[in-house]
Amino acid sequence: MKLVVLERNSVGTDIDVSCFEKFGEVTYYPNTVAENTAARVKDAYTIIVNKAPLNEETLKAAPNVKLICLFATGFDNVDIAYCKSRGIKVANVVNYCTPAVAQHTLLLALMLTEKIAFYDEYVKSGTYSAQERFSNFDRAFGDLEGKTGGIVGRGPIGRKVAGL
């Protein structure tokens, strides 16, 4: 059985992915862009992917594909309807990085509230140290106190964000 790992480096080069080798002959690609996808999967039985597009255009010349495994939780790069029509099973990594994604969500909310990107660039550009006044008040800081936030979705990530 032939397995193709299209974006081996997407999980981090410090992670051992040799476990796939017990299932057959594995070809590893550090990264795959859309233009290379069809050629790289044409002989595959199983495709292990992160973001490379898997749809009719990239899969039509790959008659042996029976399984697509994602190094991710989402399916946005896979045409599920097309795969279903071909009998190709698609599996994701349930709960992959839930704590990290939830934490990142809160980080981004705080960064927007505190205008971190603006003030980071302001300091790094040298403008802060060159100014005559004590501080910059061009962009007002915001407070979370008294604000109401919303979480769309009640999956593992949404629940984790709510818990944090």
C-alpha atoms as a PDB file:
ATOM      1  CA  MET A   1       0.000   0.000   0.000  1.00  0.00           C
ATOM      2  CA  LYS A   2       1.323   3.464  -0.905  1.00  0.00           C
ATOM      3  CA  LEU A   3       0.984   6.345   1.506  1.00  0.00           C
ATOM      4  CA  VAL A   4       1.841   9.941   0.702  1.00  0.00           C
ATOM      5  CA  VAL A   5       2.512  12.526   3.403  1.00  0.00           C
ATOM      6  CA  LEU A   6       2.099  15.823   1.569  1.00  0.00           C
ATOM      7  CA  GLU A   7       3.157  18.251   4.304  1.00  0.00           C
ATOM      8  CA  ARG A   8       5.376  16.339   6.658  1.00  0.00           C
ATOM      9  CA  ASN A   9       6.928  19.497   8.147  1.00  0.00           C
ATOM     10  CA  SER A  10       3.538  20.967   9.086  1.00  0.00           C
ATOM     11  CA  VAL A  11       3.486  18.907  12.282  1.00  0.00           C
ATOM     12  CA  GLY A  12       6.999  19.994  13.216  1.00  0.00           C
ATOM     13  CA  THR A  13      10.229  18.322  12.295  1.00  0.00           C
ATOM     14  CA  ASP A  14      10.717  17.348  15.943  1.00  0.00           C
ATOM     15  CA  ILE A  15       7.689  15.030  15.750  1.00  0.00           C
ATOM     16  CA  ASP A  16       8.331  11.428  14.706  1.00  0.00           C
ATOM     17  CA  VAL A  17       5.921  10.379  11.944  1.00  0.00           C
ATOM     18  CA  SER A  18       7.638   7.094  11.093  1.00  0.00           C
ATOM     19  CA  CYS A  19       4.597   5.259  12.525  1.00  0.00           C
ATOM     20  CA  PHE A  20       3.030   5.456   9.053  1.00  0.00           C
ATOM     21  CA  GLU A  21       5.683   3.099   7.694  1.00  0.00           C
ATOM     22  CA  LYS A  22       4.060   0.077   9.329  1.00  0.00           C
ATOM     23  CA  PHE A  23       1.125   0.542   6.922  1.00  0.00           C
ATOM     24  CA  GLY A  24       3.124   0.453   3.708  1.00  0.00           C
ATOM     25  CA  GLU A  25       5.504   2.334   1.460  1.00  0.00           C
ATOM     26  CA  VAL A  26       5.567   5.998   2.509  1.00  0.00           C
ATOM     27  CA  THR A  27       6.674   9.004   0.489  1.00  0.00           C
ATOM     28  CA  TYR A  28       7.290  12.135   2.557  1.00  0.00           C
ATOM     29  CA  TYR A  29       7.205  15.665   1.162  1.00  0.00           C
ATOM     30  CA  PRO A  30       8.272  18.549   3.422  1.00  0.00           C
ATOM     31  CA  ASN A  31       5.558  20.756   1.913  1.00  0.00           C
ATOM     32  CA  THR A  32       3.190  20.609  -1.028  1.00  0.00           C
ATOM     33  CA  VAL A  33       1.624  23.483  -2.939  1.00  0.00           C
ATOM     34  CA  ALA A  34      -1.564  23.205  -4.992  1.00  0.00           C
ATOM     35  CA  GLU A  35       0.296  22.899  -8.300  1.00  0.00           C
ATOM     36  CA  ASN A  36       2.188  19.779  -7.109  1.00  0.00           C
ATOM     37  CA  THR A  37      -0.676  17.962  -5.402  1.00  0.00           C
ATOM     38  CA  ALA A  38      -2.116  15.917  -8.286  1.00  0.00           C
ATOM     39  CA  ALA A  39       1.287  14.570  -9.359  1.00  0.00           C
ATOM     40  CA  ARG A  40       2.211  13.602  -5.808  1.00  0.00           C
ATOM     41  CA  VAL A  41      -1.001  11.678  -5.019  1.00  0.00           C
ATOM     42  CA  LYS A  42      -1.541   9.856  -8.331  1.00  0.00           C
ATOM     43  CA  ASP A  43      -0.316   6.461  -7.033  1.00  0.00           C
ATOM     44  CA  ALA A  44      -1.426   6.832  -3.419  1.00  0.00           C
ATOM     45  CA  TYR A  45      -3.831   4.628  -1.482  1.00  0.00           C
ATOM     46  CA  THR A  46      -3.695   6.864   1.590  1.00  0.00           C
ATOM     47  CA  ILE A  47      -3.007  10.611   1.611  1.00  0.00           C
ATOM     48  CA  ILE A  48      -1.889  12.352   4.783  1.00  0.00           C
ATOM     49  CA  VAL A  49      -2.310  16.095   4.416  1.00  0.00           C
ATOM     50  CA  ASN A  50      -2.631  19.404   6.205  1.00  0.00           C
ATOM     51  CA  LYS A  51      -3.588  22.188   3.778  1.00  0.00           C
ATOM     52  CA  ALA A  52      -2.923  20.987   0.214  1.00  0.00           C
ATOM     53  CA  PRO A  53      -6.193  20.984  -1.743  1.00  0.00           C
ATOM     54  CA  LEU A  54      -7.817  17.597  -2.278  1.00  0.00           C
ATOM     55  CA  ASN A  55     -10.678  17.914  -4.728  1.00  0.00           C
ATOM     56  CA  GLU A  56     -11.764  16.598  -8.114  1.00  0.00           C
ATOM     57  CA  GLU A  57      -8.950  18.405  -9.904  1.00  0.00           C
ATOM     58  CA  THR A  58      -6.208  17.019  -7.664  1.00  0.00           C
ATOM     59  CA  LEU A  59      -7.719  13.554  -7.136  1.00  0.00           C
ATOM     60  CA  LYS A  60      -9.190  12.639 -10.546  1.00  0.00           C
ATOM     61  CA  ALA A  61      -5.948  11.001 -11.717  1.00  0.00           C
ATOM     62  CA  ALA A  62      -5.524   9.102  -8.418  1.00  0.00           C
ATOM     63  CA  PRO A  63      -7.759   6.027  -8.821  1.00  0.00           C
ATOM     64  CA  ASN A  64      -6.366   4.096  -5.841  1.00  0.00           C
ATOM     65  CA  VAL A  65      -7.079   6.634  -3.093  1.00  0.00           C
ATOM     66  CA  LYS A  66      -9.255   5.137  -0.349  1.00  0.00           C
ATOM     67  CA  LEU A  67      -8.347   7.263   2.667  1.00  0.00           C
ATOM     68  CA  ILE A  68      -7.418  10.867   3.380  1.00  0.00           C
ATOM     69  CA  CYS A  69      -6.078  11.665   6.858  1.00  0.00           C
ATOM     70  CA  LEU A  70      -5.656  15.257   7.950  1.00  0.00           C
ATOM     71  CA  PHE A  71      -2.967  16.656  10.221  1.00  0.00           C
ATOM     72  CA  ALA A  72      -5.704  19.039  11.396  1.00  0.00           C
ATOM     73  CA  THR A  73      -9.195  19.285  12.818  1.00  0.00           C
ATOM     74  CA  GLY A  74     -10.802  21.011   9.824  1.00  0.00           C
ATOM     75  CA  PHE A  75     -11.775  19.719   6.400  1.00  0.00           C
ATOM     76  CA  ASP A  76     -11.723  23.046   4.530  1.00  0.00           C
ATOM     77  CA  ASN A  77      -9.126  21.871   2.003  1.00  0.00           C
ATOM     78  CA  VAL A  78     -10.946  18.609   1.194  1.00  0.00           C
ATOM     79  CA  ASP A  79     -13.968  18.365  -1.104  1.00  0.00           C
ATOM     80  CA  ILE A  80     -15.997  16.035   1.107  1.00  0.00           C
ATOM     81  CA  ALA A  81     -18.815  15.602  -1.431  1.00  0.00           C
ATOM     82  CA  TYR A  82     -16.381  14.574  -4.159  1.00  0.00           C
ATOM     83  CA  CYS A  83     -14.601  12.162  -1.818  1.00  0.00           C
ATOM     84  CA  LYS A  84     -17.930  10.645  -0.802  1.00  0.00           C
ATOM     85  CA  SER A  85     -18.872  10.151  -4.458  1.00  0.00           C
ATOM     86  CA  ARG A  86     -15.602   8.228  -4.941  1.00  0.00           C
ATOM     87  CA  GLY A  87     -15.894   6.216  -1.726  1.00  0.00           C
ATOM     88  CA  ILE A  88     -12.851   7.925  -0.220  1.00  0.00           C
ATOM     89  CA  LYS A  89     -12.954   8.042   3.572  1.00  0.00           C
ATOM     90  CA  VAL A  90     -11.778  11.263   5.230  1.00  0.00           C
ATOM     91  CA  ALA A  91     -10.542  11.465   8.820  1.00  0.00           C
ATOM     92  CA  ASN A  92      -9.276  14.351  10.902  1.00  0.00           C
ATOM     93  CA  VAL A  93      -7.427  14.622  14.213  1.00  0.00           C
ATOM     94  CA  VAL A  94     -10.082  15.091  16.854  1.00  0.00           C
ATOM     95  CA  ASN A  95      -9.103  17.527  19.627  1.00  0.00           C
ATOM     96  CA  TYR A  96      -5.790  18.353  17.964  1.00  0.00           C
ATOM     97  CA  CYS A  97      -4.261  21.417  19.682  1.00  0.00           C
ATOM     98  CA  THR A  98      -7.482  22.368  21.461  1.00  0.00           C
ATOM     99  CA  PRO A  99      -5.694  24.007  24.425  1.00  0.00           C
ATOM    100  CA  ALA A 100      -3.245  25.889  22.184  1.00  0.00           C
ATOM    101  CA  VAL A 101      -5.950  27.146  19.798  1.00  0.00           C
ATOM    102  CA  ALA A 102      -8.180  28.268  22.677  1.00  0.00           C
ATOM    103  CA  GLN A 103      -5.258  30.100  24.282  1.00  0.00           C
ATOM    104  CA  HIS A 104      -4.379  31.710  20.946  1.00  0.00           C
ATOM    105  CA  THR A 105      -7.993  32.859  20.569  1.00  0.00           C
ATOM    106  CA  LEU A 106      -7.807  34.679  23.903  1.00  0.00           C
ATOM    107  CA  LEU A 107      -4.400  36.084  23.014  1.00  0.00           C
ATOM    108  CA  LEU A 108      -5.761  37.575  19.785  1.00  0.00           C
ATOM    109  CA  ALA A 109      -8.740  39.092  21.641  1.00  0.00           C
ATOM    110  CA  LEU A 110      -6.370  40.723  24.125  1.00  0.00           C
ATOM    111  CA  MET A 111      -4.043  41.909  21.358  1.00  0.00           C
ATOM    112  CA  LEU A 112      -6.945  43.636  19.604  1.00  0.00           C
ATOM    113  CA  THR A 113      -8.236  45.150  22.825  1.00  0.00           C
ATOM    114  CA  GLU A 114      -4.824  46.488  23.836  1.00  0.00           C
ATOM    115  CA  LYS A 115      -3.700  47.544  20.306  1.00  0.00           C
ATOM    116  CA  ILE A 116      -0.544  45.477  20.796  1.00  0.00           C
ATOM    117  CA  ALA A 117       0.454  45.392  17.110  1.00  0.00           C
ATOM    118  CA  PHE A 118       0.258  49.199  16.841  1.00  0.00           C
ATOM    119  CA  TYR A 119       2.234  49.869  20.013  1.00  0.00           C
ATOM    120  CA  ASP A 120       4.773  47.132  19.274  1.00  0.00           C
ATOM    121  CA  GLU A 121       5.569  48.733  15.930  1.00  0.00           C
ATOM    122  CA  TYR A 122       5.523  52.188  17.535  1.00  0.00           C
ATOM    123  CA  VAL A 123       8.273  51.176  19.973  1.00  0.00           C
ATOM    124  CA  LYS A 124      10.321  49.136  17.468  1.00  0.00           C
ATOM    125  CA  SER A 125      10.299  51.968  14.905  1.00  0.00           C
ATOM    126  CA  GLY A 126      12.092  54.255  17.359  1.00  0.00           C
ATOM    127  CA  THR A 127       9.219  56.740  17.412  1.00  0.00           C
ATOM    128  CA  TYR A 128       8.515  56.119  21.095  1.00  0.00           C
ATOM    129  CA  SER A 129      12.031  56.937  22.242  1.00  0.00           C
ATOM    130  CA  ALA A 130      12.238  59.948  19.894  1.00  0.00           C
ATOM    131  CA  GLN A 131       9.041  61.635  21.053  1.00  0.00           C
ATOM    132  CA  GLU A 132       8.926  64.550  23.498  1.00  0.00           C
ATOM    133  CA  ARG A 133       5.874  63.390  25.398  1.00  0.00           C
ATOM    134  CA  PHE A 134       5.690  60.662  28.054  1.00  0.00           C
ATOM    135  CA  SER A 135       3.484  58.252  26.086  1.00  0.00           C
ATOM    136  CA  ASN A 136       1.451  57.808  22.946  1.00  0.00           C
ATOM    137  CA  PHE A 137      -2.310  58.219  23.184  1.00  0.00           C
ATOM    138  CA  ASP A 138      -3.160  57.915  19.477  1.00  0.00           C
ATOM    139  CA  ARG A 139      -4.941  54.612  20.041  1.00  0.00           C
ATOM    140  CA  ALA A 140      -7.005  54.170  23.160  1.00  0.00           C
ATOM    141  CA  PHE A 141      -6.680  51.056  25.262  1.00  0.00           C
ATOM    142  CA  GLY A 142      -9.812  49.079  26.002  1.00  0.00           C
ATOM    143  CA  ASP A 143     -11.020  47.283  29.092  1.00  0.00           C
ATOM    144  CA  LEU A 144     -12.529  43.825  29.095  1.00  0.00           C
ATOM    145  CA  GLU A 145     -14.413  44.575  32.296  1.00  0.00           C
ATOM    146  CA  GLY A 146     -18.061  45.188  31.531  1.00  0.00           C
ATOM    147  CA  LYS A 147     -17.806  43.719  28.029  1.00  0.00           C
ATOM    148  CA  THR A 148     -19.737  40.744  26.735  1.00  0.00           C
ATOM    149  CA  GLY A 149     -18.066  38.317  24.369  1.00  0.00           C
ATOM    150  CA  GLY A 150     -19.560  35.595  22.237  1.00  0.00           C
ATOM    151  CA  ILE A 151     -18.260  32.225  21.155  1.00  0.00           C
ATOM    152  CA  VAL A 152     -19.547  30.722  17.933  1.00  0.00           C
ATOM    153  CA  GLY A 153     -19.607  26.960  18.191  1.00  0.00           C
ATOM    154  CA  ARG A 154     -19.793  24.521  21.072  1.00  0.00           C
ATOM    155  CA  GLY A 155     -17.160  22.073  19.925  1.00  0.00           C
ATOM    156  CA  PRO A 156     -14.039  21.261  21.911  1.00  0.00           C
ATOM    157  CA  ILE A 157     -12.307  24.541  21.021  1.00  0.00           C
ATOM    158  CA  GLY A 158     -15.340  26.725  21.761  1.00  0.00           C
ATOM    159  CA  ARG A 159     -15.876  24.988  25.090  1.00  0.00           C
ATOM    160  CA  LYS A 160     -12.200  25.375  25.987  1.00  0.00           C
ATOM    161  CA  VAL A 161     -12.277  29.107  25.141  1.00  0.00           C
ATOM    162  CA  ALA A 162     -15.356  29.486  27.354  1.00  0.00           C
ATOM    163  CA  GLY A 163     -13.569  27.664  30.168  1.00  0.00           C
ATOM    164  CA  LEU A 164     -10.519  29.878  29.909  1.00  0.00           C
END
